[in-house]
Amino acid sequence: MDIRKIARSLKPGSDQQLARDDYSGQKSASKQAAEARRKRHREAVAKQAANTRKDANRNIRGR
């Protein structure tokens, strides 16, 4: 962290305004975590669907 940002964070004032000014354009940690969870969920669903298709094809050929 930049020394200027540290000094600015110690001054009285609005923390929300300070965050908007210093970190505009950046995603919040909670937003990043939510996106990571959604990505892992989509990957798990795709993997499960692929396995289901593979098992279904195996069952059809086995008859």
PDB file of N, CA and C in Angstrom:
ATOM      1  N   MET A   1       0.849  -1.174   0.000  1.00  0.00           N
ATOM      2  CA  MET A   1       0.000   0.000   0.000  1.00  0.00           C
ATOM      3  C   MET A   1       0.893   1.233   0.000  1.00  0.00           C
ATOM      4  N   ASP A   2       0.494   2.201  -0.722  1.00  0.00           N
ATOM      5  CA  ASP A   2       1.216   3.460  -0.848  1.00  0.00           C
ATOM      6  C   ASP A   2       1.134   4.238   0.468  1.00  0.00           C
ATOM      7  N   ILE A   3       2.200   4.890   0.866  1.00  0.00           N
ATOM      8  CA  ILE A   3       2.244   5.651   2.118  1.00  0.00           C
ATOM      9  C   ILE A   3       1.217   6.783   2.109  1.00  0.00           C
ATOM     10  N   ARG A   4       0.958   7.342   0.921  1.00  0.00           N
ATOM     11  CA  ARG A   4      -0.049   8.410   0.833  1.00  0.00           C
ATOM     12  C   ARG A   4      -1.443   7.876   1.131  1.00  0.00           C
ATOM     13  N   LYS A   5      -1.726   6.667   0.666  1.00  0.00           N
ATOM     14  CA  LYS A   5      -3.036   6.077   0.946  1.00  0.00           C
ATOM     15  C   LYS A   5      -3.184   5.782   2.434  1.00  0.00           C
ATOM     16  N   ILE A   6      -2.103   5.339   3.060  1.00  0.00           N
ATOM     17  CA  ILE A   6      -2.149   5.070   4.500  1.00  0.00           C
ATOM     18  C   ILE A   6      -2.404   6.360   5.259  1.00  0.00           C
ATOM     19  N   ALA A   7      -1.669   7.408   4.910  1.00  0.00           N
ATOM     20  CA  ALA A   7      -1.848   8.695   5.591  1.00  0.00           C
ATOM     21  C   ALA A   7      -3.263   9.232   5.376  1.00  0.00           C
ATOM     22  N   ARG A   8      -3.769   9.104   4.161  1.00  0.00           N
ATOM     23  CA  ARG A   8      -5.124   9.579   3.869  1.00  0.00           C
ATOM     24  C   ARG A   8      -6.166   8.785   4.640  1.00  0.00           C
ATOM     25  N   SER A   9      -5.930   7.483   4.833  1.00  0.00           N
ATOM     26  CA  SER A   9      -6.907   6.654   5.539  1.00  0.00           C
ATOM     27  C   SER A   9      -6.965   6.993   7.018  1.00  0.00           C
ATOM     28  N   LEU A  10      -5.911   7.614   7.552  1.00  0.00           N
ATOM     29  CA  LEU A  10      -5.899   7.978   8.965  1.00  0.00           C
ATOM     30  C   LEU A  10      -6.595   9.305   9.231  1.00  0.00           C
ATOM     31  N   LYS A  11      -6.798  10.109   8.188  1.00  0.00           N
ATOM     32  CA  LYS A  11      -7.465  11.401   8.367  1.00  0.00           C
ATOM     33  C   LYS A  11      -8.957  11.177   8.588  1.00  0.00           C
ATOM     34  N   PRO A  12      -9.579  12.041   9.380  1.00  0.00           N
ATOM     35  CA  PRO A  12     -11.027  11.908   9.578  1.00  0.00           C
ATOM     36  C   PRO A  12     -11.762  12.196   8.269  1.00  0.00           C
ATOM     37  N   GLY A  13     -12.903  11.583   8.142  1.00  0.00           N
ATOM     38  CA  GLY A  13     -13.702  11.792   6.939  1.00  0.00           C
ATOM     39  C   GLY A  13     -14.493  10.546   6.617  1.00  0.00           C
ATOM     40  N   SER A  14     -15.063  10.556   5.465  1.00  0.00           N
ATOM     41  CA  SER A  14     -15.930   9.466   5.025  1.00  0.00           C
ATOM     42  C   SER A  14     -15.097   8.321   4.458  1.00  0.00           C
ATOM     43  N   ASP A  15     -15.142   7.182   5.116  1.00  0.00           N
ATOM     44  CA  ASP A  15     -14.431   6.009   4.619  1.00  0.00           C
ATOM     45  C   ASP A  15     -15.001   5.536   3.288  1.00  0.00           C
ATOM     46  N   GLN A  16     -16.311   5.669   3.144  1.00  0.00           N
ATOM     47  CA  GLN A  16     -16.928   5.236   1.887  1.00  0.00           C
ATOM     48  C   GLN A  16     -16.471   6.114   0.730  1.00  0.00           C
ATOM     49  N   GLN A  17     -16.393   7.415   0.955  1.00  0.00           N
ATOM     50  CA  GLN A  17     -15.923   8.315  -0.100  1.00  0.00           C
ATOM     51  C   GLN A  17     -14.462   8.028  -0.425  1.00  0.00           C
ATOM     52  N   LEU A  18     -13.662   7.782   0.589  1.00  0.00           N
ATOM     53  CA  LEU A  18     -12.254   7.454   0.385  1.00  0.00           C
ATOM     54  C   LEU A  18     -12.118   6.180  -0.451  1.00  0.00           C
ATOM     55  N   ALA A  19     -12.915   5.181  -0.136  1.00  0.00           N
ATOM     56  CA  ALA A  19     -12.876   3.929  -0.891  1.00  0.00           C
ATOM     57  C   ALA A  19     -13.307   4.153  -2.339  1.00  0.00           C
ATOM     58  N   ARG A  20     -14.345   4.958  -2.542  1.00  0.00           N
ATOM     59  CA  ARG A  20     -14.797   5.243  -3.911  1.00  0.00           C
ATOM     60  C   ARG A  20     -13.696   5.943  -4.702  1.00  0.00           C
ATOM     61  N   ASP A  21     -12.982   6.856  -4.057  1.00  0.00           N
ATOM     62  CA  ASP A  21     -11.934   7.602  -4.763  1.00  0.00           C
ATOM     63  C   ASP A  21     -10.711   6.728  -5.038  1.00  0.00           C
ATOM     64  N   ASP A  22     -10.270   5.987  -4.040  1.00  0.00           N
ATOM     65  CA  ASP A  22      -9.022   5.232  -4.165  1.00  0.00           C
ATOM     66  C   ASP A  22      -9.169   3.917  -4.908  1.00  0.00           C
ATOM     67  N   TYR A  23     -10.327   3.306  -4.847  1.00  0.00           N
ATOM     68  CA  TYR A  23     -10.485   1.961  -5.409  1.00  0.00           C
ATOM     69  C   TYR A  23     -11.561   1.895  -6.478  1.00  0.00           C
ATOM     70  N   SER A  24     -11.836   3.020  -7.113  1.00  0.00           N
ATOM     71  CA  SER A  24     -12.854   3.004  -8.166  1.00  0.00           C
ATOM     72  C   SER A  24     -12.375   2.110  -9.302  1.00  0.00           C
ATOM     73  N   GLY A  25     -13.279   1.365  -9.853  1.00  0.00           N
ATOM     74  CA  GLY A  25     -12.938   0.458 -10.949  1.00  0.00           C
ATOM     75  C   GLY A  25     -12.497  -0.907 -10.496  1.00  0.00           C
ATOM     76  N   GLN A  26     -12.258  -1.088  -9.202  1.00  0.00           N
ATOM     77  CA  GLN A  26     -11.853  -2.397  -8.695  1.00  0.00           C
ATOM     78  C   GLN A  26     -13.072  -3.126  -8.137  1.00  0.00           C
ATOM     79  N   LYS A  27     -13.076  -4.431  -8.269  1.00  0.00           N
ATOM     80  CA  LYS A  27     -14.160  -5.231  -7.719  1.00  0.00           C
ATOM     81  C   LYS A  27     -13.917  -5.428  -6.228  1.00  0.00           C
ATOM     82  N   SER A  28     -15.002  -5.480  -5.490  1.00  0.00           N
ATOM     83  CA  SER A  28     -14.871  -5.738  -4.057  1.00  0.00           C
ATOM     84  C   SER A  28     -14.494  -7.201  -3.838  1.00  0.00           C
ATOM     85  N   ALA A  29     -13.969  -7.480  -2.678  1.00  0.00           N
ATOM     86  CA  ALA A  29     -13.561  -8.852  -2.364  1.00  0.00           C
ATOM     87  C   ALA A  29     -14.758  -9.785  -2.392  1.00  0.00           C
ATOM     88  N   SER A  30     -15.906  -9.326  -1.891  1.00  0.00           N
ATOM     89  CA  SER A  30     -17.086 -10.188  -1.886  1.00  0.00           C
ATOM     90  C   SER A  30     -17.580 -10.453  -3.308  1.00  0.00           C
ATOM     91  N   LYS A  31     -17.472  -9.464  -4.187  1.00  0.00           N
ATOM     92  CA  LYS A  31     -17.884  -9.656  -5.581  1.00  0.00           C
ATOM     93  C   LYS A  31     -16.949 -10.640  -6.283  1.00  0.00           C
ATOM     94  N   GLN A  32     -15.645 -10.531  -6.012  1.00  0.00           N
ATOM     95  CA  GLN A  32     -14.691 -11.469  -6.599  1.00  0.00           C
ATOM     96  C   GLN A  32     -14.951 -12.884  -6.113  1.00  0.00           C
ATOM     97  N   ALA A  33     -15.244 -13.033  -4.819  1.00  0.00           N
ATOM     98  CA  ALA A  33     -15.510 -14.361  -4.266  1.00  0.00           C
ATOM     99  C   ALA A  33     -16.779 -14.948  -4.870  1.00  0.00           C
ATOM    100  N   ALA A  34     -17.814 -14.133  -5.045  1.00  0.00           N
ATOM    101  CA  ALA A  34     -19.064 -14.605  -5.633  1.00  0.00           C
ATOM    102  C   ALA A  34     -18.841 -15.063  -7.071  1.00  0.00           C
ATOM    103  N   GLU A  35     -18.052 -14.313  -7.823  1.00  0.00           N
ATOM    104  CA  GLU A  35     -17.760 -14.712  -9.200  1.00  0.00           C
ATOM    105  C   GLU A  35     -16.985 -16.024  -9.240  1.00  0.00           C
ATOM    106  N   ALA A  36     -16.064 -16.200  -8.310  1.00  0.00           N
ATOM    107  CA  ALA A  36     -15.293 -17.446  -8.255  1.00  0.00           C
ATOM    108  C   ALA A  36     -16.202 -18.624  -7.917  1.00  0.00           C
ATOM    109  N   ARG A  37     -17.141 -18.415  -6.989  1.00  0.00           N
ATOM    110  CA  ARG A  37     -18.090 -19.491  -6.640  1.00  0.00           C
ATOM    111  C   ARG A  37     -18.962 -19.845  -7.835  1.00  0.00           C
ATOM    112  N   ARG A  38     -19.462 -18.827  -8.543  1.00  0.00           N
ATOM    113  CA  ARG A  38     -20.294 -19.095  -9.726  1.00  0.00           C
ATOM    114  C   ARG A  38     -19.506 -19.852 -10.789  1.00  0.00           C
ATOM    115  N   LYS A  39     -18.237 -19.475 -10.983  1.00  0.00           N
ATOM    116  CA  LYS A  39     -17.397 -20.153 -11.976  1.00  0.00           C
ATOM    117  C   LYS A  39     -17.203 -21.621 -11.600  1.00  0.00           C
ATOM    118  N   ARG A  40     -16.887 -21.879 -10.324  1.00  0.00           N
ATOM    119  CA  ARG A  40     -16.702 -23.270  -9.885  1.00  0.00           C
ATOM    120  C   ARG A  40     -18.000 -24.056 -10.028  1.00  0.00           C
ATOM    121  N   HIS A  41     -19.131 -23.427  -9.743  1.00  0.00           N
ATOM    122  CA  HIS A  41     -20.414 -24.111  -9.862  1.00  0.00           C
ATOM    123  C   HIS A  41     -20.689 -24.469 -11.324  1.00  0.00           C
ATOM    124  N   ARG A  42     -20.470 -23.512 -12.237  1.00  0.00           N
ATOM    125  CA  ARG A  42     -20.689 -23.787 -13.670  1.00  0.00           C
ATOM    126  C   ARG A  42     -19.800 -24.928 -14.149  1.00  0.00           C
ATOM    127  N   GLU A  43     -18.550 -24.937 -13.697  1.00  0.00           N
ATOM    128  CA  GLU A  43     -17.636 -26.012 -14.096  1.00  0.00           C
ATOM    129  C   GLU A  43     -18.100 -27.353 -13.557  1.00  0.00           C
ATOM    130  N   ALA A  44     -18.590 -27.380 -12.320  1.00  0.00           N
ATOM    131  CA  ALA A  44     -19.063 -28.636 -11.729  1.00  0.00           C
ATOM    132  C   ALA A  44     -20.297 -29.146 -12.458  1.00  0.00           C
ATOM    133  N   VAL A  45     -21.202 -28.234 -12.812  1.00  0.00           N
ATOM    134  CA  VAL A  45     -22.416 -28.629 -13.538  1.00  0.00           C
ATOM    135  C   VAL A  45     -22.049 -29.179 -14.911  1.00  0.00           C
ATOM    136  N   ALA A  46     -21.111 -28.515 -15.597  1.00  0.00           N
ATOM    137  CA  ALA A  46     -20.687 -28.990 -16.921  1.00  0.00           C
ATOM    138  C   ALA A  46     -20.033 -30.362 -16.823  1.00  0.00           C
ATOM    139  N   LYS A  47     -19.226 -30.570 -15.809  1.00  0.00           N
ATOM    140  CA  LYS A  47     -18.573 -31.863 -15.622  1.00  0.00           C
ATOM    141  C   LYS A  47     -19.597 -32.946 -15.335  1.00  0.00           C
ATOM    142  N   GLN A  48     -20.580 -32.631 -14.495  1.00  0.00           N
ATOM    143  CA  GLN A  48     -21.616 -33.608 -14.180  1.00  0.00           C
ATOM    144  C   GLN A  48     -22.440 -33.946 -15.427  1.00  0.00           C
ATOM    145  N   ALA A  49     -22.753 -32.943 -16.245  1.00  0.00           N
ATOM    146  CA  ALA A  49     -23.511 -33.187 -17.477  1.00  0.00           C
ATOM    147  C   ALA A  49     -22.714 -34.063 -18.434  1.00  0.00           C
ATOM    148  N   ALA A  50     -21.419 -33.806 -18.545  1.00  0.00           N
ATOM    149  CA  ALA A  50     -20.574 -34.621 -19.431  1.00  0.00           C
ATOM    150  C   ALA A  50     -20.535 -36.065 -18.953  1.00  0.00           C
ATOM    151  N   ASN A  51     -20.414 -36.257 -17.655  1.00  0.00           N
ATOM    152  CA  ASN A  51     -20.389 -37.614 -17.101  1.00  0.00           C
ATOM    153  C   ASN A  51     -21.725 -38.313 -17.303  1.00  0.00           C
ATOM    154  N   THR A  52     -22.819 -37.578 -17.174  1.00  0.00           N
ATOM    155  CA  THR A  52     -24.145 -38.156 -17.381  1.00  0.00           C
ATOM    156  C   THR A  52     -24.312 -38.596 -18.828  1.00  0.00           C
ATOM    157  N   ARG A  53     -23.868 -37.751 -19.775  1.00  0.00           N
ATOM    158  CA  ARG A  53     -23.956 -38.116 -21.199  1.00  0.00           C
ATOM    159  C   ARG A  53     -23.104 -39.350 -21.487  1.00  0.00           C
ATOM    160  N   LYS A  54     -21.923 -39.384 -20.907  1.00  0.00           N
ATOM    161  CA  LYS A  54     -21.024 -40.520 -21.126  1.00  0.00           C
ATOM    162  C   LYS A  54     -21.668 -41.800 -20.584  1.00  0.00           C
ATOM    163  N   ASP A  55     -22.254 -41.732 -19.394  1.00  0.00           N
ATOM    164  CA  ASP A  55     -22.911 -42.903 -18.805  1.00  0.00           C
ATOM    165  C   ASP A  55     -24.131 -43.320 -19.627  1.00  0.00           C
ATOM    166  N   ALA A  56     -24.889 -42.358 -20.141  1.00  0.00           N
ATOM    167  CA  ALA A  56     -26.066 -42.666 -20.942  1.00  0.00           C
ATOM    168  C   ALA A  56     -25.650 -43.365 -22.230  1.00  0.00           C
ATOM    169  N   ASN A  57     -24.593 -42.859 -22.867  1.00  0.00           N
ATOM    170  CA  ASN A  57     -24.113 -43.496 -24.101  1.00  0.00           C
ATOM    171  C   ASN A  57     -23.611 -44.903 -23.822  1.00  0.00           C
ATOM    172  N   ARG A  58     -22.959 -45.093 -22.700  1.00  0.00           N
ATOM    173  CA  ARG A  58     -22.456 -46.413 -22.337  1.00  0.00           C
ATOM    174  C   ARG A  58     -23.628 -47.376 -22.131  1.00  0.00           C
ATOM    175  N   ASN A  59     -24.698 -46.898 -21.509  1.00  0.00           N
ATOM    176  CA  ASN A  59     -25.868 -47.752 -21.261  1.00  0.00           C
ATOM    177  C   ASN A  59     -26.578 -48.117 -22.565  1.00  0.00           C
ATOM    178  N   ILE A  60     -26.642 -47.173 -23.496  1.00  0.00           N
ATOM    179  CA  ILE A  60     -27.311 -47.428 -24.761  1.00  0.00           C
ATOM    180  C   ILE A  60     -26.528 -48.469 -25.563  1.00  0.00           C
ATOM    181  N   ARG A  61     -25.230 -48.320 -25.604  1.00  0.00           N
ATOM    182  CA  ARG A  61     -24.391 -49.257 -26.354  1.00  0.00           C
ATOM    183  C   ARG A  61     -24.370 -50.637 -25.698  1.00  0.00           C
ATOM    184  N   GLY A  62     -24.561 -50.679 -24.416  1.00  0.00           N
ATOM    185  CA  GLY A  62     -24.490 -51.944 -23.685  1.00  0.00           C
ATOM    186  C   GLY A  62     -25.720 -52.811 -23.896  1.00  0.00           C
ATOM    187  N   ARG A  63     -26.798 -52.244 -24.401  1.00  0.00           N
ATOM    188  CA  ARG A  63     -28.037 -53.027 -24.588  1.00  0.00           C
ATOM    189  C   ARG A  63     -27.992 -53.884 -25.800  1.00  0.00           C
TER     190      ARG A  63
END
